[in-house]
C-alpha atoms as a PDB file:
ATOM      1  CA  MET A   1      13.171   3.362   2.843  1.00  0.00           C
ATOM      2  CA  LYS A   2      14.813   4.488  -0.365  1.00  0.00           C
ATOM      3  CA  GLY A   3      13.935   2.219  -3.249  1.00  0.00           C
ATOM      4  CA  SER A   4      10.580   1.219  -1.786  1.00  0.00           C
ATOM      5  CA  LYS A   5       7.902   0.534  -4.359  1.00  0.00           C
ATOM      6  CA  ILE A   6       4.960   2.914  -4.136  1.00  0.00           C
ATOM      7  CA  LEU A   7       1.640   2.585  -5.964  1.00  0.00           C
ATOM      8  CA  LEU A   8       0.094   6.054  -6.210  1.00  0.00           C
ATOM      9  CA  VAL A   9      -3.662   5.967  -6.927  1.00  0.00           C
ATOM     10  CA  ASP A  10      -5.511   9.212  -7.662  1.00  0.00           C
ATOM     11  CA  ASP A  11      -7.866  10.274 -10.437  1.00  0.00           C
ATOM     12  CA  GLU A  12      -6.187  13.705 -10.689  1.00  0.00           C
ATOM     13  CA  ILE A  13      -3.553  13.181 -13.370  1.00  0.00           C
ATOM     14  CA  VAL A  14      -1.722  16.426 -12.555  1.00  0.00           C
ATOM     15  CA  PHE A  15      -1.494  15.353  -8.901  1.00  0.00           C
ATOM     16  CA  THR A  16      -0.149  11.871  -9.697  1.00  0.00           C
ATOM     17  CA  THR A  17       2.343  13.288 -12.200  1.00  0.00           C
ATOM     18  CA  ASN A  18       3.710  15.892  -9.795  1.00  0.00           C
ATOM     19  CA  MET A  19       3.663  13.642  -6.714  1.00  0.00           C
ATOM     20  CA  SER A  20       5.366  10.842  -8.667  1.00  0.00           C
ATOM     21  CA  ARG A  21       8.210  13.205  -9.597  1.00  0.00           C
ATOM     22  CA  LEU A  22       8.637  14.328  -5.995  1.00  0.00           C
ATOM     23  CA  LEU A  23       8.708  10.756  -4.693  1.00  0.00           C
ATOM     24  CA  VAL A  24      11.071   9.538  -7.430  1.00  0.00           C
ATOM     25  CA  ASN A  25      13.413  12.435  -6.585  1.00  0.00           C
ATOM     26  CA  ARG A  26      13.451  11.100  -3.019  1.00  0.00           C
ATOM     27  CA  GLY A  27      14.517   7.655  -4.180  1.00  0.00           C
ATOM     28  CA  TYR A  28      11.226   5.767  -4.402  1.00  0.00           C
ATOM     29  CA  GLN A  29      10.069   3.589  -7.285  1.00  0.00           C
ATOM     30  CA  VAL A  30       6.635   4.949  -8.150  1.00  0.00           C
ATOM     31  CA  THR A  31       3.864   3.571 -10.319  1.00  0.00           C
ATOM     32  CA  ALA A  32       0.947   5.963 -10.746  1.00  0.00           C
ATOM     33  CA  VAL A  33      -2.542   4.934 -11.813  1.00  0.00           C
ATOM     34  CA  ASN A  34      -5.742   6.937 -12.023  1.00  0.00           C
ATOM     35  CA  SER A  35      -8.457   4.511 -10.872  1.00  0.00           C
ATOM     36  CA  GLY A  36      -9.201   1.820  -8.335  1.00  0.00           C
ATOM     37  CA  ASP A  37      -9.555  -0.792 -11.066  1.00  0.00           C
ATOM     38  CA  ALA A  38      -6.089   0.057 -12.420  1.00  0.00           C
ATOM     39  CA  ALA A  39      -4.678  -0.160  -8.878  1.00  0.00           C
ATOM     40  CA  ILE A  40      -6.022  -3.679  -8.398  1.00  0.00           C
ATOM     41  CA  GLN A  41      -4.595  -4.731 -11.768  1.00  0.00           C
ATOM     42  CA  GLU A  42      -1.158  -3.382 -10.784  1.00  0.00           C
ATOM     43  CA  LEU A  43      -1.276  -5.154  -7.412  1.00  0.00           C
ATOM     44  CA  GLU A  44      -2.168  -8.445  -9.103  1.00  0.00           C
ATOM     45  CA  LYS A  45       0.848  -8.301 -11.403  1.00  0.00           C
ATOM     46  CA  ASP A  46       3.510  -6.608  -9.249  1.00  0.00           C
ATOM     47  CA  ASP A  47       4.566  -6.248  -5.610  1.00  0.00           C
ATOM     48  CA  PHE A  48       4.404  -2.882  -3.845  1.00  0.00           C
ATOM     49  CA  ASP A  49       5.447  -1.817  -0.367  1.00  0.00           C
ATOM     50  CA  VAL A  50       2.941   0.998   0.072  1.00  0.00           C
ATOM     51  CA  VAL A  51      -0.218   2.098  -1.738  1.00  0.00           C
ATOM     52  CA  VAL A  52      -1.087   5.799  -1.509  1.00  0.00           C
ATOM     53  CA  LEU A  53      -4.810   5.815  -2.236  1.00  0.00           C
ATOM     54  CA  ASP A  54      -7.191   8.701  -2.882  1.00  0.00           C
ATOM     55  CA  LEU A  55     -10.697   8.249  -1.480  1.00  0.00           C
ATOM     56  CA  LYS A  56     -12.699  10.327  -3.946  1.00  0.00           C
ATOM     57  CA  MET A  57     -12.438   8.778  -7.394  1.00  0.00           C
ATOM     58  CA  PRO A  58     -15.028   8.066 -10.065  1.00  0.00           C
ATOM     59  CA  GLY A  59     -15.920   4.416 -10.546  1.00  0.00           C
ATOM     60  CA  MET A  60     -14.371   2.321  -7.780  1.00  0.00           C
ATOM     61  CA  ASP A  61     -13.793   4.824  -4.968  1.00  0.00           C
ATOM     62  CA  GLY A  62     -11.051   4.560  -2.361  1.00  0.00           C
ATOM     63  CA  ILE A  63     -13.109   2.564   0.148  1.00  0.00           C
ATOM     64  CA  ALA A  64     -14.134  -0.020  -2.492  1.00  0.00           C
ATOM     65  CA  THR A  65     -10.537  -0.161  -3.731  1.00  0.00           C
ATOM     66  CA  LEU A  66      -9.257  -0.693  -0.181  1.00  0.00           C
ATOM     67  CA  LYS A  67     -11.712  -3.575   0.296  1.00  0.00           C
ATOM     68  CA  GLU A  68     -10.442  -5.179  -2.927  1.00  0.00           C
ATOM     69  CA  ILE A  69      -6.829  -4.676  -1.820  1.00  0.00           C
ATOM     70  CA  LYS A  70      -7.593  -6.431   1.474  1.00  0.00           C
ATOM     71  CA  LYS A  71      -9.061  -9.395  -0.443  1.00  0.00           C
ATOM     72  CA  LEU A  72      -5.652  -9.846  -2.142  1.00  0.00           C
ATOM     73  CA  ASP A  73      -4.154 -10.621   1.310  1.00  0.00           C
ATOM     74  CA  LEU A  74      -0.900  -8.747   0.690  1.00  0.00           C
ATOM     75  CA  PHE A  75       1.702  -7.388   3.076  1.00  0.00           C
ATOM     76  CA  THR A  76       1.383  -4.054   1.254  1.00  0.00           C
ATOM     77  CA  GLN A  77       0.293  -1.179   3.502  1.00  0.00           C
ATOM     78  CA  THR A  78      -2.237   1.405   2.316  1.00  0.00           C
ATOM     79  CA  LEU A  79      -2.139   5.132   3.107  1.00  0.00           C
ATOM     80  CA  ILE A  80      -5.297   7.114   2.450  1.00  0.00           C
ATOM     81  CA  LEU A  81      -5.146  10.606   0.952  1.00  0.00           C
ATOM     82  CA  THR A  82      -8.319  12.613   1.364  1.00  0.00           C
ATOM     83  CA  GLY A  83      -9.522  16.149   0.783  1.00  0.00           C
ATOM     84  CA  HIS A  84     -10.985  18.287   3.517  1.00  0.00           C
ATOM     85  CA  GLY A  85     -14.440  17.277   4.676  1.00  0.00           C
ATOM     86  CA  SER A  86     -14.033  13.532   4.322  1.00  0.00           C
ATOM     87  CA  ILE A  87     -12.169  12.732   7.543  1.00  0.00           C
ATOM     88  CA  ASP A  88     -14.983  10.407   8.659  1.00  0.00           C
ATOM     89  CA  THR A  89     -14.475   8.375   5.501  1.00  0.00           C
ATOM     90  CA  ALA A  90     -10.712   8.328   6.100  1.00  0.00           C
ATOM     91  CA  LEU A  91     -11.318   7.005   9.611  1.00  0.00           C
ATOM     92  CA  GLU A  92     -13.631   4.354   8.153  1.00  0.00           C
ATOM     93  CA  ALA A  93     -10.759   3.367   5.842  1.00  0.00           C
ATOM     94  CA  VAL A  94      -8.442   2.962   8.834  1.00  0.00           C
ATOM     95  CA  ARG A  95     -11.067   0.751  10.499  1.00  0.00           C
ATOM     96  CA  LEU A  96     -11.132  -1.327   7.299  1.00  0.00           C
ATOM     97  CA  GLY A  97      -7.372  -1.870   7.485  1.00  0.00           C
ATOM     98  CA  ALA A  98      -5.684   1.186   5.981  1.00  0.00           C
ATOM     99  CA  TYR A  99      -2.422   1.977   7.744  1.00  0.00           C
ATOM    100  CA  ASP A 100      -3.142   5.700   8.191  1.00  0.00           C
ATOM    101  CA  TYR A 101      -4.422   8.764   6.368  1.00  0.00           C
ATOM    102  CA  LEU A 102      -3.327  12.227   5.298  1.00  0.00           C
ATOM    103  CA  THR A 103      -5.399  15.187   4.202  1.00  0.00           C
ATOM    104  CA  LYS A 104      -4.842  17.016   0.911  1.00  0.00           C
ATOM    105  CA  PRO A 105      -3.039  19.175   0.260  1.00  0.00           C
ATOM    106  CA  CYS A 106      -0.156  17.612   2.140  1.00  0.00           C
ATOM    107  CA  GLU A 107       3.504  18.450   2.392  1.00  0.00           C
ATOM    108  CA  ILE A 108       5.835  16.001   0.701  1.00  0.00           C
ATOM    109  CA  ASP A 109       7.775  15.568   3.964  1.00  0.00           C
ATOM    110  CA  ASP A 110       4.567  14.517   5.748  1.00  0.00           C
ATOM    111  CA  LEU A 111       3.753  12.008   3.018  1.00  0.00           C
ATOM    112  CA  VAL A 112       7.298  10.612   3.046  1.00  0.00           C
ATOM    113  CA  SER A 113       7.158  10.263   6.834  1.00  0.00           C
ATOM    114  CA  LYS A 114       3.893   8.275   6.589  1.00  0.00           C
ATOM    115  CA  ILE A 115       5.299   6.144   3.750  1.00  0.00           C
ATOM    116  CA  GLU A 116       8.359   5.311   5.864  1.00  0.00           C
ATOM    117  CA  CYS A 117       6.175   4.293   8.824  1.00  0.00           C
ATOM    118  CA  ALA A 118       3.944   2.188   6.561  1.00  0.00           C
ATOM    119  CA  TRP A 119       7.021   0.529   5.050  1.00  0.00           C
ATOM    120  CA  GLN A 120       8.300  -0.313   8.556  1.00  0.00           C
ATOM    121  CA  LYS A 121       4.950  -1.927   9.420  1.00  0.00           C
ATOM    122  CA  LYS A 122       5.063  -3.974   6.223  1.00  0.00           C
ATOM    123  CA  ASP A 123       8.636  -5.021   7.013  1.00  0.00           C
ATOM    124  CA  GLU A 124       7.592  -6.115  10.522  1.00  0.00           C
ATOM    125  CA  HIS A 125       4.783  -8.243   9.079  1.00  0.00           C
ATOM    126  CA  VAL A 126       7.151  -9.858   6.559  1.00  0.00           C
ATOM    127  CA  LYS A 127       9.639 -10.687   9.339  1.00  0.00           C
ATOM    128  CA  GLU A 128       6.885 -12.144  11.537  1.00  0.00           C
ATOM    129  CA  ASP A 129       5.712 -14.276   8.624  1.00  0.00           C
ATOM    130  CA  MET A 130       9.264 -15.498   7.987  1.00  0.00           C
ATOM    131  CA  GLN A 131       9.647 -16.432  11.662  1.00  0.00           C
ATOM    132  CA  GLU A 132       6.375 -18.374  11.521  1.00  0.00           C
ATOM    133  CA  ASN A 133       7.598 -20.207   8.414  1.00  0.00           C
ATOM    134  CA  VAL A 134      10.913 -21.061  10.037  1.00  0.00           C
ATOM    135  CA  GLN A 135       9.036 -22.383  13.053  1.00  0.00           C
ATOM    136  CA  LYS A 136       6.901 -24.537  10.721  1.00  0.00           C
ATOM    137  CA  ILE A 137      10.046 -25.989   9.154  1.00  0.00           C
ATOM    138  CA  ILE A 138      11.510 -26.738  12.543  1.00  0.00           C
ATOM    139  CA  GLU A 139       8.300 -28.480  13.550  1.00  0.00           C
ATOM    140  CA  SER A 140       7.663 -30.179  10.192  1.00  0.00           C
ATOM    141  CA  PRO A 141      10.319 -30.384   7.468  1.00  0.00           C
ATOM    142  CA  HIS A 142       7.568 -31.068   4.907  1.00  0.00           C
ATOM    143  CA  SER A 143       6.616 -27.377   4.860  1.00  0.00           C
ATOM    144  CA  VAL A 144       9.972 -26.118   3.508  1.00  0.00           C
ATOM    145  CA  PHE A 145       8.334 -25.164   0.174  1.00  0.00           C
ATOM    146  CA  ASP A 146       5.876 -22.904   2.011  1.00  0.00           C
ATOM    147  CA  LEU A 147       8.737 -20.453   2.625  1.00  0.00           C
ATOM    148  CA  TYR A 148       8.782 -19.266  -0.968  1.00  0.00           C
ATOM    149  CA  PRO A 149       5.332 -18.081  -1.985  1.00  0.00           C
ATOM    150  CA  SER A 150       4.957 -17.148  -5.639  1.00  0.00           C
ATOM    151  CA  LYS A 151       3.739 -13.638  -4.784  1.00  0.00           C
ATOM    152  CA  ASP A 152       4.199 -11.175  -1.920  1.00  0.00           C
ATOM    153  CA  LYS A 153       1.253 -12.526   0.028  1.00  0.00           C
ATOM    154  CA  LYS A 154       0.715 -13.139   3.700  1.00  0.00           C
ATOM    155  CA  LYS A 155      -0.041 -16.817   3.269  1.00  0.00           C
END
């Protein structure tokens, strides 16, 4: 969806710079960072619809970053970007809760298609959560303040 907020995480500065431009030109709001630690810091201070996460990074790699993202309990969906030869790791990431993966190099249209699907999944989860909250209000009017969490979290 145009205007969706994307967090692009890759240690290759040239890649994040070029991919950010391509995604911005397609109407997305993009924040690019170059490490897993920086990604977690961004997620703690701002809401994103989709994280596009590289697996091979120095320091906190993509798998460790994904595990930290999952601890934040966000609606945000994570797409894994991986180079050739690390498909097994990408599949491990999906088992850990990543939405899907793409291999590098990838076409911008393929990435946009995956981002759109990830955004739709996030939107479905948000709607389900809202329905659960409405049901709570119907059943107990005391939970009306639970409808407005301070951050874009599941609970």
